[in-house]
Amino acid sequence: MLKGKSEQAIVETIIQLAHRLGMKTLAEGVEKKEQVKLLQEFSCDYLQ
Protein backbone atom coordinates (compact mmCIF):
# COMPACT_ATOMS: atom_id res chain seq x y z
CA MET A 1 0.00 0.00 0.00
CA LEU A 2 2.81 2.44 0.75
CA LYS A 3 4.48 1.91 -2.65
CA GLY A 4 2.13 4.14 -4.58
CA LYS A 5 -1.30 5.29 -5.67
CA SER A 6 -2.12 2.13 -7.67
CA GLU A 7 -1.49 -0.10 -4.66
CA GLN A 8 -3.57 2.19 -2.47
CA ALA A 9 -6.38 2.15 -5.03
CA ILE A 10 -6.58 -1.64 -4.84
CA VAL A 11 -6.98 -1.62 -1.06
CA GLU A 12 -9.47 1.25 -1.09
CA THR A 13 -11.51 -0.48 -3.80
CA ILE A 14 -11.66 -3.75 -1.87
CA ILE A 15 -12.93 -1.84 1.17
CA GLN A 16 -15.53 0.07 -0.86
CA LEU A 17 -16.71 -3.11 -2.58
CA ALA A 18 -17.09 -4.93 0.73
CA HIS A 19 -19.01 -2.06 2.28
CA ARG A 20 -21.34 -1.79 -0.72
CA LEU A 21 -22.09 -5.50 -0.33
CA GLY A 22 -22.81 -5.04 3.39
CA MET A 23 -19.57 -6.60 4.62
CA LYS A 24 -16.98 -5.47 7.15
CA THR A 25 -13.28 -5.33 6.31
CA LEU A 26 -10.17 -6.35 8.20
CA ALA A 27 -6.65 -5.40 7.10
CA GLU A 28 -4.02 -8.03 7.93
CA GLY A 29 -0.39 -7.26 8.66
CA VAL A 30 -0.59 -3.60 9.64
CA GLU A 31 2.91 -2.64 10.78
CA LYS A 32 3.30 1.10 10.17
CA LYS A 33 1.56 4.27 11.29
CA GLU A 34 1.22 5.36 7.64
CA GLN A 35 -0.77 2.19 6.90
CA VAL A 36 -3.05 2.88 9.86
CA LYS A 37 -3.70 6.42 8.64
CA LEU A 38 -4.54 5.32 5.09
CA LEU A 39 -6.75 2.46 6.24
CA GLN A 40 -8.65 4.82 8.50
CA GLU A 41 -9.08 7.24 5.59
CA PHE A 42 -10.41 4.33 3.49
CA SER A 43 -12.87 3.42 6.33
CA CYS A 44 -11.45 -0.05 6.96
CA ASP A 45 -13.42 -1.53 9.86
CA TYR A 46 -10.70 -3.53 11.63
CA LEU A 47 -6.91 -3.51 11.61
CA GLN A 48 -4.59 -6.22 12.90
ModelCIF file with pLDDT and N, C-alpha, C, O atoms, coordinates in Angstrom:
data_MODEL
#
_entry.id   MODEL 
#
_entity.id                         1 
_entity.type                       polymer 
_entity.pdbx_number_of_molecules   1 
#
_entity_poly.entity_id                      1 
_entity_poly.type                           'polypeptide(L)' 
_entity_poly.nstd_linkage                   no 
_entity_poly.nstd_monomer                   no 
_entity_poly.pdbx_seq_one_letter_code       MLKGKSEQAIVETIIQLAHRLGMKTLAEGVEKKEQVKLLQEFSCDYLQ 
_entity_poly.pdbx_seq_one_letter_code_can   MLKGKSEQAIVETIIQLAHRLGMKTLAEGVEKKEQVKLLQEFSCDYLQ 
_entity_poly.pdbx_strand_id                 A 
#
loop_
_entity_poly_seq.entity_id 
_entity_poly_seq.num 
_entity_poly_seq.mon_id 
_entity_poly_seq.hetero 
1 1  MET n 
1 2  LEU n 
1 3  LYS n 
1 4  GLY n 
1 5  LYS n 
1 6  SER n 
1 7  GLU n 
1 8  GLN n 
1 9  ALA n 
1 10 ILE n 
1 11 VAL n 
1 12 GLU n 
1 13 THR n 
1 14 ILE n 
1 15 ILE n 
1 16 GLN n 
1 17 LEU n 
1 18 ALA n 
1 19 HIS n 
1 20 ARG n 
1 21 LEU n 
1 22 GLY n 
1 23 MET n 
1 24 LYS n 
1 25 THR n 
1 26 LEU n 
1 27 ALA n 
1 28 GLU n 
1 29 GLY n 
1 30 VAL n 
1 31 GLU n 
1 32 LYS n 
1 33 LYS n 
1 34 GLU n 
1 35 GLN n 
1 36 VAL n 
1 37 LYS n 
1 38 LEU n 
1 39 LEU n 
1 40 GLN n 
1 41 GLU n 
1 42 PHE n 
1 43 SER n 
1 44 CYS n 
1 45 ASP n 
1 46 TYR n 
1 47 LEU n 
1 48 GLN n 
#
_struct_asym.id          A 
_struct_asym.entity_id   1 
#
loop_
_ma_qa_metric.id 
_ma_qa_metric.mode 
_ma_qa_metric.name 
_ma_qa_metric.software_group_id 
_ma_qa_metric.type 
1 global pLDDT . pLDDT 
2 local  pLDDT . pLDDT 
#
_ma_qa_metric_global.metric_id      1 
_ma_qa_metric_global.metric_value   95.81 
_ma_qa_metric_global.model_id       1 
_ma_qa_metric_global.ordinal_id     1 
#
loop_
_ma_qa_metric_local.label_asym_id 
_ma_qa_metric_local.label_comp_id 
_ma_qa_metric_local.label_seq_id 
_ma_qa_metric_local.metric_id 
_ma_qa_metric_local.metric_value 
_ma_qa_metric_local.model_id 
_ma_qa_metric_local.ordinal_id 
A MET 1  2 95.00 1 1  
A LEU 2  2 95.00 1 2  
A LYS 3  2 96.00 1 3  
A GLY 4  2 94.00 1 4  
A LYS 5  2 96.00 1 5  
A SER 6  2 95.00 1 6  
A GLU 7  2 95.00 1 7  
A GLN 8  2 97.00 1 8  
A ALA 9  2 97.00 1 9  
A ILE 10 2 94.00 1 10 
A VAL 11 2 96.00 1 11 
A GLU 12 2 97.00 1 12 
A THR 13 2 95.00 1 13 
A ILE 14 2 93.00 1 14 
A ILE 15 2 97.00 1 15 
A GLN 16 2 97.00 1 16 
A LEU 17 2 92.00 1 17 
A ALA 18 2 93.00 1 18 
A HIS 19 2 96.00 1 19 
A ARG 20 2 94.00 1 20 
A LEU 21 2 91.00 1 21 
A GLY 22 2 93.00 1 22 
A MET 23 2 93.00 1 23 
A LYS 24 2 96.00 1 24 
A THR 25 2 96.00 1 25 
A LEU 26 2 96.00 1 26 
A ALA 27 2 96.00 1 27 
A GLU 28 2 94.00 1 28 
A GLY 29 2 94.00 1 29 
A VAL 30 2 97.00 1 30 
A GLU 31 2 96.00 1 31 
A LYS 32 2 96.00 1 32 
A LYS 33 2 97.00 1 33 
A GLU 34 2 97.00 1 34 
A GLN 35 2 97.00 1 35 
A VAL 36 2 97.00 1 36 
A LYS 37 2 97.00 1 37 
A LEU 38 2 97.00 1 38 
A LEU 39 2 98.00 1 39 
A GLN 40 2 98.00 1 40 
A GLU 41 2 98.00 1 41 
A PHE 42 2 98.00 1 42 
A SER 43 2 98.00 1 43 
A CYS 44 2 98.00 1 44 
A ASP 45 2 98.00 1 45 
A TYR 46 2 97.00 1 46 
A LEU 47 2 97.00 1 47 
A GLN 48 2 95.00 1 48 
#
loop_
_atom_site.group_PDB 
_atom_site.id 
_atom_site.type_symbol 
_atom_site.label_atom_id 
_atom_site.label_alt_id 
_atom_site.label_comp_id 
_atom_site.label_asym_id 
_atom_site.label_entity_id 
_atom_site.label_seq_id 
_atom_site.pdbx_PDB_ins_code 
_atom_site.Cartn_x 
_atom_site.Cartn_y 
_atom_site.Cartn_z 
_atom_site.occupancy 
_atom_site.B_iso_or_equiv 
_atom_site.pdbx_formal_charge 
_atom_site.auth_seq_id 
_atom_site.auth_comp_id 
_atom_site.auth_asym_id 
_atom_site.auth_atom_id 
_atom_site.pdbx_PDB_model_num 
ATOM 1   N N  . MET A 1 1  ? 0.794   -1.215 0.000  1.00 95.00 ? 1  MET A N  1 
ATOM 2   C CA . MET A 1 1  ? 0.000   0.000  0.000  1.00 95.00 ? 1  MET A CA 1 
ATOM 3   C C  . MET A 1 1  ? 0.836   1.280  0.000  1.00 95.00 ? 1  MET A C  1 
ATOM 4   O O  . MET A 1 1  ? 0.429   2.288  -0.579 1.00 95.00 ? 1  MET A O  1 
ATOM 5   N N  . LEU A 1 2  ? 1.986   1.244  0.638  1.00 95.00 ? 2  LEU A N  1 
ATOM 6   C CA . LEU A 1 2  ? 2.813   2.443  0.754  1.00 95.00 ? 2  LEU A CA 1 
ATOM 7   C C  . LEU A 1 2  ? 3.705   2.663  -0.460 1.00 95.00 ? 2  LEU A C  1 
ATOM 8   O O  . LEU A 1 2  ? 4.450   3.642  -0.504 1.00 95.00 ? 2  LEU A O  1 
ATOM 9   N N  . LYS A 1 3  ? 3.643   1.770  -1.451 1.00 96.00 ? 3  LYS A N  1 
ATOM 10  C CA . LYS A 1 3  ? 4.479   1.906  -2.645 1.00 96.00 ? 3  LYS A CA 1 
ATOM 11  C C  . LYS A 1 3  ? 3.966   2.969  -3.610 1.00 96.00 ? 3  LYS A C  1 
ATOM 12  O O  . LYS A 1 3  ? 4.750   3.609  -4.311 1.00 96.00 ? 3  LYS A O  1 
ATOM 13  N N  . GLY A 1 4  ? 2.642   3.156  -3.643 1.00 94.00 ? 4  GLY A N  1 
ATOM 14  C CA . GLY A 1 4  ? 2.132   4.140  -4.583 1.00 94.00 ? 4  GLY A CA 1 
ATOM 15  C C  . GLY A 1 4  ? 0.626   4.168  -4.666 1.00 94.00 ? 4  GLY A C  1 
ATOM 16  O O  . GLY A 1 4  ? -0.074  3.419  -3.985 1.00 94.00 ? 4  GLY A O  1 
ATOM 17  N N  . LYS A 1 5  ? 0.141   5.060  -5.527 1.00 96.00 ? 5  LYS A N  1 
ATOM 18  C CA . LYS A 1 5  ? -1.304  5.288  -5.672 1.00 96.00 ? 5  LYS A CA 1 
ATOM 19  C C  . LYS A 1 5  ? -2.050  4.069  -6.203 1.00 96.00 ? 5  LYS A C  1 
ATOM 20  O O  . LYS A 1 5  ? -3.177  3.811  -5.782 1.00 96.00 ? 5  LYS A O  1 
ATOM 21  N N  . SER A 1 6  ? -1.444  3.312  -7.122 1.00 95.00 ? 6  SER A N  1 
ATOM 22  C CA . SER A 1 6  ? -2.122  2.126  -7.673 1.00 95.00 ? 6  SER A CA 1 
ATOM 23  C C  . SER A 1 6  ? -2.360  1.087  -6.585 1.00 95.00 ? 6  SER A C  1 
ATOM 24  O O  . SER A 1 6  ? -3.432  0.486  -6.512 1.00 95.00 ? 6  SER A O  1 
ATOM 25  N N  . GLU A 1 7  ? -1.361  0.884  -5.749 1.00 95.00 ? 7  GLU A N  1 
ATOM 26  C CA . GLU A 1 7  ? -1.490  -0.100 -4.662 1.00 95.00 ? 7  GLU A CA 1 
ATOM 27  C C  . GLU A 1 7  ? -2.537  0.358  -3.650 1.00 95.00 ? 7  GLU A C  1 
ATOM 28  O O  . GLU A 1 7  ? -3.298  -0.453 -3.123 1.00 95.00 ? 7  GLU A O  1 
ATOM 29  N N  . GLN A 1 8  ? -2.567  1.658  -3.384 1.00 97.00 ? 8  GLN A N  1 
ATOM 30  C CA . GLN A 1 8  ? -3.573  2.194  -2.469 1.00 97.00 ? 8  GLN A CA 1 
ATOM 31  C C  . GLN A 1 8  ? -4.972  2.052  -3.059 1.00 97.00 ? 8  GLN A C  1 
ATOM 32  O O  . GLN A 1 8  ? -5.927  1.760  -2.340 1.00 97.00 ? 8  GLN A O  1 
ATOM 33  N N  . ALA A 1 9  ? -5.089  2.259  -4.363 1.00 97.00 ? 9  ALA A N  1 
ATOM 34  C CA . ALA A 1 9  ? -6.384  2.154  -5.030 1.00 97.00 ? 9  ALA A CA 1 
ATOM 35  C C  . ALA A 1 9  ? -6.960  0.743  -4.906 1.00 97.00 ? 9  ALA A C  1 
ATOM 36  O O  . ALA A 1 9  ? -8.170  0.574  -4.752 1.00 97.00 ? 9  ALA A O  1 
ATOM 37  N N  . ILE A 1 10 ? -6.102  -0.257 -4.974 1.00 94.00 ? 10 ILE A N  1 
ATOM 38  C CA . ILE A 1 10 ? -6.579  -1.644 -4.836 1.00 94.00 ? 10 ILE A CA 1 
ATOM 39  C C  . ILE A 1 10 ? -7.188  -1.853 -3.461 1.00 94.00 ? 10 ILE A C  1 
ATOM 40  O O  . ILE A 1 10 ? -8.289  -2.392 -3.345 1.00 94.00 ? 10 ILE A O  1 
ATOM 41  N N  . VAL A 1 11 ? -6.485  -1.432 -2.420 1.00 96.00 ? 11 VAL A N  1 
ATOM 42  C CA . VAL A 1 11 ? -6.981  -1.618 -1.055 1.00 96.00 ? 11 VAL A CA 1 
ATOM 43  C C  . VAL A 1 11 ? -8.268  -0.826 -0.838 1.00 96.00 ? 11 VAL A C  1 
ATOM 44  O O  . VAL A 1 11 ? -9.237  -1.348 -0.286 1.00 96.00 ? 11 VAL A O  1 
ATOM 45  N N  . GLU A 1 12 ? -8.275  0.416  -1.268 1.00 97.00 ? 12 GLU A N  1 
ATOM 46  C CA . GLU A 1 12 ? -9.466  1.246  -1.094 1.00 97.00 ? 12 GLU A CA 1 
ATOM 47  C C  . GLU A 1 12 ? -10.664 0.650  -1.835 1.00 97.00 ? 12 GLU A C  1 
ATOM 48  O O  . GLU A 1 12 ? -11.786 0.682  -1.330 1.00 97.00 ? 12 GLU A O  1 
ATOM 49  N N  . THR A 1 13 ? -10.432 0.117  -3.010 1.00 95.00 ? 13 THR A N  1 
ATOM 50  C CA . THR A 1 13 ? -11.510 -0.475 -3.802 1.00 95.00 ? 13 THR A CA 1 
ATOM 51  C C  . THR A 1 13 ? -12.062 -1.739 -3.146 1.00 95.00 ? 13 THR A C  1 
ATOM 52  O O  . THR A 1 13 ? -13.272 -1.964 -3.154 1.00 95.00 ? 13 THR A O  1 
ATOM 53  N N  . ILE A 1 14 ? -11.191 -2.556 -2.586 1.00 93.00 ? 14 ILE A N  1 
ATOM 54  C CA . ILE A 1 14 ? -11.659 -3.753 -1.866 1.00 93.00 ? 14 ILE A CA 1 
ATOM 55  C C  . ILE A 1 14 ? -12.563 -3.329 -0.711 1.00 93.00 ? 14 ILE A C  1 
ATOM 56  O O  . ILE A 1 14 ? -13.621 -3.920 -0.496 1.00 93.00 ? 14 ILE A O  1 
ATOM 57  N N  . ILE A 1 15 ? -12.148 -2.315 0.024  1.00 97.00 ? 15 ILE A N  1 
ATOM 58  C CA . ILE A 1 15 ? -12.933 -1.839 1.173  1.00 97.00 ? 15 ILE A CA 1 
ATOM 59  C C  . ILE A 1 15 ? -14.282 -1.298 0.703  1.00 97.00 ? 15 ILE A C  1 
ATOM 60  O O  . ILE A 1 15 ? -15.318 -1.618 1.287  1.00 97.00 ? 15 ILE A O  1 
ATOM 61  N N  . GLN A 1 16 ? -14.273 -0.487 -0.342 1.00 97.00 ? 16 GLN A N  1 
ATOM 62  C CA . GLN A 1 16 ? -15.526 0.069  -0.857 1.00 97.00 ? 16 GLN A CA 1 
ATOM 63  C C  . GLN A 1 16 ? -16.457 -1.028 -1.358 1.00 97.00 ? 16 GLN A C  1 
ATOM 64  O O  . GLN A 1 16 ? -17.659 -0.992 -1.098 1.00 97.00 ? 16 GLN A O  1 
ATOM 65  N N  . LEU A 1 17 ? -15.907 -1.995 -2.071 1.00 92.00 ? 17 LEU A N  1 
ATOM 66  C CA . LEU A 1 17 ? -16.708 -3.110 -2.582 1.00 92.00 ? 17 LEU A CA 1 
ATOM 67  C C  . LEU A 1 17 ? -17.355 -3.871 -1.431 1.00 92.00 ? 17 LEU A C  1 
ATOM 68  O O  . LEU A 1 17 ? -18.554 -4.150 -1.455 1.00 92.00 ? 17 LEU A O  1 
ATOM 69  N N  . ALA A 1 18 ? -16.555 -4.201 -0.428 1.00 93.00 ? 18 ALA A N  1 
ATOM 70  C CA . ALA A 1 18 ? -17.091 -4.932 0.728  1.00 93.00 ? 18 ALA A CA 1 
ATOM 71  C C  . ALA A 1 18 ? -18.214 -4.151 1.389  1.00 93.00 ? 18 ALA A C  1 
ATOM 72  O O  . ALA A 1 18 ? -19.272 -4.705 1.685  1.00 93.00 ? 18 ALA A O  1 
ATOM 73  N N  . HIS A 1 19 ? -17.988 -2.883 1.617  1.00 96.00 ? 19 HIS A N  1 
ATOM 74  C CA . HIS A 1 19 ? -19.015 -2.062 2.276  1.00 96.00 ? 19 HIS A CA 1 
ATOM 75  C C  . HIS A 1 19 ? -20.291 -1.978 1.444  1.00 96.00 ? 19 HIS A C  1 
ATOM 76  O O  . HIS A 1 19 ? -21.392 -2.023 1.992  1.00 96.00 ? 19 HIS A O  1 
ATOM 77  N N  . ARG A 1 20 ? -20.150 -1.857 0.136  1.00 94.00 ? 20 ARG A N  1 
ATOM 78  C CA . ARG A 1 20 ? -21.345 -1.791 -0.720 1.00 94.00 ? 20 ARG A CA 1 
ATOM 79  C C  . ARG A 1 20 ? -22.126 -3.096 -0.707 1.00 94.00 ? 20 ARG A C  1 
ATOM 80  O O  . ARG A 1 20 ? -23.333 -3.112 -0.947 1.00 94.00 ? 20 ARG A O  1 
ATOM 81  N N  . LEU A 1 21 ? -21.423 -4.198 -0.423 1.00 91.00 ? 21 LEU A N  1 
ATOM 82  C CA . LEU A 1 21 ? -22.085 -5.496 -0.333 1.00 91.00 ? 21 LEU A CA 1 
ATOM 83  C C  . LEU A 1 21 ? -22.508 -5.824 1.101  1.00 91.00 ? 21 LEU A C  1 
ATOM 84  O O  . LEU A 1 21 ? -22.952 -6.938 1.381  1.00 91.00 ? 21 LEU A O  1 
ATOM 85  N N  . GLY A 1 22 ? -22.370 -4.857 2.003  1.00 93.00 ? 22 GLY A N  1 
ATOM 86  C CA . GLY A 1 22 ? -22.809 -5.042 3.386  1.00 93.00 ? 22 GLY A CA 1 
ATOM 87  C C  . GLY A 1 22 ? -21.844 -5.830 4.243  1.00 93.00 ? 22 GLY A C  1 
ATOM 88  O O  . GLY A 1 22 ? -22.251 -6.423 5.242  1.00 93.00 ? 22 GLY A O  1 
ATOM 89  N N  . MET A 1 23 ? -20.583 -5.848 3.877  1.00 93.00 ? 23 MET A N  1 
ATOM 90  C CA . MET A 1 23 ? -19.566 -6.596 4.623  1.00 93.00 ? 23 MET A CA 1 
ATOM 91  C C  . MET A 1 23 ? -18.634 -5.658 5.371  1.00 93.00 ? 23 MET A C  1 
ATOM 92  O O  . MET A 1 23 ? -18.462 -4.500 4.991  1.00 93.00 ? 23 MET A O  1 
ATOM 93  N N  . LYS A 1 24 ? -18.040 -6.166 6.427  1.00 96.00 ? 24 LYS A N  1 
ATOM 94  C CA . LYS A 1 24 ? -16.984 -5.472 7.152  1.00 96.00 ? 24 LYS A CA 1 
ATOM 95  C C  . LYS A 1 24 ? -15.647 -5.832 6.508  1.00 96.00 ? 24 LYS A C  1 
ATOM 96  O O  . LYS A 1 24 ? -15.552 -6.787 5.737  1.00 96.00 ? 24 LYS A O  1 
ATOM 97  N N  . THR A 1 25 ? -14.613 -5.052 6.836  1.00 96.00 ? 25 THR A N  1 
ATOM 98  C CA . THR A 1 25 ? -13.279 -5.329 6.310  1.00 96.00 ? 25 THR A CA 1 
ATOM 99  C C  . THR A 1 25 ? -12.260 -5.379 7.438  1.00 96.00 ? 25 THR A C  1 
ATOM 100 O O  . THR A 1 25 ? -12.376 -4.665 8.434  1.00 96.00 ? 25 THR A O  1 
ATOM 101 N N  . LEU A 1 26 ? -11.264 -6.232 7.262  1.00 96.00 ? 26 LEU A N  1 
ATOM 102 C CA . LEU A 1 26 ? -10.168 -6.351 8.204  1.00 96.00 ? 26 LEU A CA 1 
ATOM 103 C C  . LEU A 1 26 ? -8.867  -6.348 7.411  1.00 96.00 ? 26 LEU A C  1 
ATOM 104 O O  . LEU A 1 26 ? -8.702  -7.147 6.489  1.00 96.00 ? 26 LEU A O  1 
ATOM 105 N N  . ALA A 1 27 ? -7.955  -5.472 7.756  1.00 96.00 ? 27 ALA A N  1 
ATOM 106 C CA . ALA A 1 27 ? -6.648  -5.404 7.103  1.00 96.00 ? 27 ALA A CA 1 
ATOM 107 C C  . ALA A 1 27 ? -5.647  -6.211 7.920  1.00 96.00 ? 27 ALA A C  1 
ATOM 108 O O  . ALA A 1 27 ? -5.458  -5.957 9.109  1.00 96.00 ? 27 ALA A O  1 
ATOM 109 N N  . GLU A 1 28 ? -5.011  -7.180 7.280  1.00 94.00 ? 28 GLU A N  1 
ATOM 110 C CA . GLU A 1 28 ? -4.018  -8.027 7.935  1.00 94.00 ? 28 GLU A CA 1 
ATOM 111 C C  . GLU A 1 28 ? -2.623  -7.432 7.777  1.00 94.00 ? 28 GLU A C  1 
ATOM 112 O O  . GLU A 1 28 ? -2.308  -6.829 6.751  1.00 94.00 ? 28 GLU A O  1 
ATOM 113 N N  . GLY A 1 29 ? -1.799  -7.605 8.793  1.00 94.00 ? 29 GLY A N  1 
ATOM 114 C CA . GLY A 1 29 ? -0.390  -7.257 8.665  1.00 94.00 ? 29 GLY A CA 1 
ATOM 115 C C  . GLY A 1 29 ? -0.070  -5.784 8.740  1.00 94.00 ? 29 GLY A C  1 
ATOM 116 O O  . GLY A 1 29 ? 0.888   -5.325 8.119  1.00 94.00 ? 29 GLY A O  1 
ATOM 117 N N  . VAL A 1 30 ? -0.852  -5.037 9.488  1.00 97.00 ? 30 VAL A N  1 
ATOM 118 C CA . VAL A 1 30 ? -0.590  -3.603 9.641  1.00 97.00 ? 30 VAL A CA 1 
ATOM 119 C C  . VAL A 1 30 ? 0.630   -3.441 10.552 1.00 97.00 ? 30 VAL A C  1 
ATOM 120 O O  . VAL A 1 30 ? 0.632   -3.899 11.694 1.00 97.00 ? 30 VAL A O  1 
ATOM 121 N N  . GLU A 1 31 ? 1.661   -2.783 10.027 1.00 96.00 ? 31 GLU A N  1 
ATOM 122 C CA . GLU A 1 31 ? 2.910   -2.642 10.779 1.00 96.00 ? 31 GLU A CA 1 
ATOM 123 C C  . GLU A 1 31 ? 3.384   -1.202 10.928 1.00 96.00 ? 31 GLU A C  1 
ATOM 124 O O  . GLU A 1 31 ? 4.275   -0.927 11.732 1.00 96.00 ? 31 GLU A O  1 
ATOM 125 N N  . LYS A 1 32 ? 2.802   -0.280 10.167 1.00 96.00 ? 32 LYS A N  1 
ATOM 126 C CA . LYS A 1 32 ? 3.299   1.100  10.165 1.00 96.00 ? 32 LYS A CA 1 
ATOM 127 C C  . LYS A 1 32 ? 2.172   2.093  10.375 1.00 96.00 ? 32 LYS A C  1 
ATOM 128 O O  . LYS A 1 32 ? 1.028   1.865  9.983  1.00 96.00 ? 32 LYS A O  1 
ATOM 129 N N  . LYS A 1 33 ? 2.533   3.212  11.010 1.00 97.00 ? 33 LYS A N  1 
ATOM 130 C CA . LYS A 1 33 ? 1.564   4.270  11.286 1.00 97.00 ? 33 LYS A CA 1 
ATOM 131 C C  . LYS A 1 33 ? 0.938   4.792  9.993  1.00 97.00 ? 33 LYS A C  1 
ATOM 132 O O  . LYS A 1 33 ? -0.249  5.118  9.972  1.00 97.00 ? 33 LYS A O  1 
ATOM 133 N N  . GLU A 1 34 ? 1.719   4.874  8.919  1.00 97.00 ? 34 GLU A N  1 
ATOM 134 C CA . GLU A 1 34 ? 1.216   5.358  7.641  1.00 97.00 ? 34 GLU A CA 1 
ATOM 135 C C  . GLU A 1 34 ? 0.116   4.441  7.092  1.00 97.00 ? 34 GLU A C  1 
ATOM 136 O O  . GLU A 1 34 ? -0.840  4.911  6.474  1.00 97.00 ? 34 GLU A O  1 
ATOM 137 N N  . GLN A 1 35 ? 0.260   3.130  7.322  1.00 97.00 ? 35 GLN A N  1 
ATOM 138 C CA . GLN A 1 35 ? -0.772  2.185  6.904  1.00 97.00 ? 35 GLN A CA 1 
ATOM 139 C C  . GLN A 1 35 ? -2.050  2.426  7.704  1.00 97.00 ? 35 GLN A C  1 
ATOM 140 O O  . GLN A 1 35 ? -3.148  2.430  7.148  1.00 97.00 ? 35 GLN A O  1 
ATOM 141 N N  . VAL A 1 36 ? -1.898  2.623  9.002  1.00 97.00 ? 36 VAL A N  1 
ATOM 142 C CA . VAL A 1 36 ? -3.052  2.879  9.863  1.00 97.00 ? 36 VAL A CA 1 
ATOM 143 C C  . VAL A 1 36 ? -3.804  4.104  9.367  1.00 97.00 ? 36 VAL A C  1 
ATOM 144 O O  . VAL A 1 36 ? -5.028  4.080  9.237  1.00 97.00 ? 36 VAL A O  1 
ATOM 145 N N  . LYS A 1 37 ? -3.071  5.170  9.092  1.00 97.00 ? 37 LYS A N  1 
ATOM 146 C CA . LYS A 1 37 ? -3.697  6.415  8.643  1.00 97.00 ? 37 LYS A CA 1 
ATOM 147 C C  . LYS A 1 37 ? -4.478  6.203  7.345  1.00 97.00 ? 37 LYS A C  1 
ATOM 148 O O  . LYS A 1 37 ? -5.632  6.618  7.241  1.00 97.00 ? 37 LYS A O  1 
ATOM 149 N N  . LEU A 1 38 ? -3.856  5.561  6.361  1.00 97.00 ? 38 LEU A N  1 
ATOM 150 C CA . LEU A 1 38 ? -4.542  5.320  5.087  1.00 97.00 ? 38 LEU A CA 1 
ATOM 151 C C  . LEU A 1 38 ? -5.766  4.432  5.263  1.00 97.00 ? 38 LEU A C  1 
ATOM 152 O O  . LEU A 1 38 ? -6.826  4.714  4.703  1.00 97.00 ? 38 LEU A O  1 
ATOM 153 N N  . LEU A 1 39 ? -5.628  3.376  6.028  1.00 98.00 ? 39 LEU A N  1 
ATOM 154 C CA . LEU A 1 39 ? -6.749  2.455  6.236  1.00 98.00 ? 39 LEU A CA 1 
ATOM 155 C C  . LEU A 1 39 ? -7.912  3.147  6.953  1.00 98.00 ? 39 LEU A C  1 
ATOM 156 O O  . LEU A 1 39 ? -9.076  2.860  6.674  1.00 98.00 ? 39 LEU A O  1 
ATOM 157 N N  . GLN A 1 40 ? -7.596  4.045  7.866  1.00 98.00 ? 40 GLN A N  1 
ATOM 158 C CA . GLN A 1 40 ? -8.654  4.824  8.504  1.00 98.00 ? 40 GLN A CA 1 
ATOM 159 C C  . GLN A 1 40 ? -9.325  5.753  7.492  1.00 98.00 ? 40 GLN A C  1 
ATOM 160 O O  . GLN A 1 40 ? -10.547 5.903  7.493  1.00 98.00 ? 40 GLN A O  1 
ATOM 161 N N  . GLU A 1 41 ? -8.519  6.375  6.629  1.00 98.00 ? 41 GLU A N  1 
ATOM 162 C CA . GLU A 1 41 ? -9.085  7.237  5.586  1.00 98.00 ? 41 GLU A CA 1 
ATOM 163 C C  . GLU A 1 41 ? -9.991  6.445  4.641  1.00 98.00 ? 41 GLU A C  1 
ATOM 164 O O  . GLU A 1 41 ? -10.994 6.965  4.153  1.00 98.00 ? 41 GLU A O  1 
ATOM 165 N N  . PHE A 1 42 ? -9.629  5.183  4.386  1.00 98.00 ? 42 PHE A N  1 
ATOM 166 C CA . PHE A 1 42 ? -10.405 4.327  3.491  1.00 98.00 ? 42 PHE A CA 1 
ATOM 167 C C  . PHE A 1 42 ? -11.602 3.689  4.200  1.00 98.00 ? 42 PHE A C  1 
ATOM 168 O O  . PHE A 1 42 ? -12.373 2.965  3.571  1.00 98.00 ? 42 PHE A O  1 
ATOM 169 N N  . SER A 1 43 ? -11.767 3.950  5.504  1.00 98.00 ? 43 SER A N  1 
ATOM 170 C CA . SER A 1 43 ? -12.867 3.417  6.326  1.00 98.00 ? 43 SER A CA 1 
ATOM 171 C C  . SER A 1 43 ? -12.805 1.911  6.527  1.00 98.00 ? 43 SER A C  1 
ATOM 172 O O  . SER A 1 43 ? -13.838 1.244  6.586  1.00 98.00 ? 43 SER A O  1 
ATOM 173 N N  . CYS A 1 44 ? -11.597 1.379  6.630  1.00 98.00 ? 44 CYS A N  1 
ATOM 174 C CA . CYS A 1 44 ? -11.450 -0.046 6.960  1.00 98.00 ? 44 CYS A CA 1 
ATOM 175 C C  . CYS A 1 44 ? -11.983 -0.245 8.378  1.00 98.00 ? 44 CYS A C  1 
ATOM 176 O O  . CYS A 1 44 ? -11.704 0.555  9.272  1.00 98.00 ? 44 CYS A O  1 
ATOM 177 N N  . ASP A 1 45 ? -12.749 -1.313 8.576  1.00 98.00 ? 45 ASP A N  1 
ATOM 178 C CA . ASP A 1 45 ? -13.416 -1.527 9.859  1.00 98.00 ? 45 ASP A CA 1 
ATOM 179 C C  . ASP A 1 45 ? -12.488 -2.016 10.959 1.00 98.00 ? 45 ASP A C  1 
ATOM 180 O O  . ASP A 1 45 ? -12.591 -1.571 12.103 1.00 98.00 ? 45 ASP A O  1 
ATOM 181 N N  . TYR A 1 46 ? -11.579 -2.933 10.621 1.00 97.00 ? 46 TYR A N  1 
ATOM 182 C CA . TYR A 1 46 ? -10.703 -3.529 11.627 1.00 97.00 ? 46 TYR A CA 1 
ATOM 183 C C  . TYR A 1 46 ? -9.283  -3.615 11.078 1.00 97.00 ? 46 TYR A C  1 
ATOM 184 O O  . TYR A 1 46 ? -9.072  -3.856 9.889  1.00 97.00 ? 46 TYR A O  1 
ATOM 185 N N  . LEU A 1 47 ? -8.316  -3.414 11.971 1.00 97.00 ? 47 LEU A N  1 
ATOM 186 C CA . LEU A 1 47 ? -6.912  -3.515 11.610 1.00 97.00 ? 47 LEU A CA 1 
ATOM 187 C C  . LEU A 1 47 ? -6.250  -4.496 12.568 1.00 97.00 ? 47 LEU A C  1 
ATOM 188 O O  . LEU A 1 47 ? -6.543  -4.506 13.764 1.00 97.00 ? 47 LEU A O  1 
ATOM 189 N N  . GLN A 1 48 ? -5.349  -5.326 12.029 1.00 95.00 ? 48 GLN A N  1 
ATOM 190 C CA . GLN A 1 48 ? -4.593  -6.224 12.896 1.00 95.00 ? 48 GLN A CA 1 
ATOM 191 C C  . GLN A 1 48 ? -3.154  -6.259 12.403 1.00 95.00 ? 48 GLN A C  1 
ATOM 192 O O  . GLN A 1 48 ? -2.320  -6.955 12.982 1.00 95.00 ? 48 GLN A O  1 
#
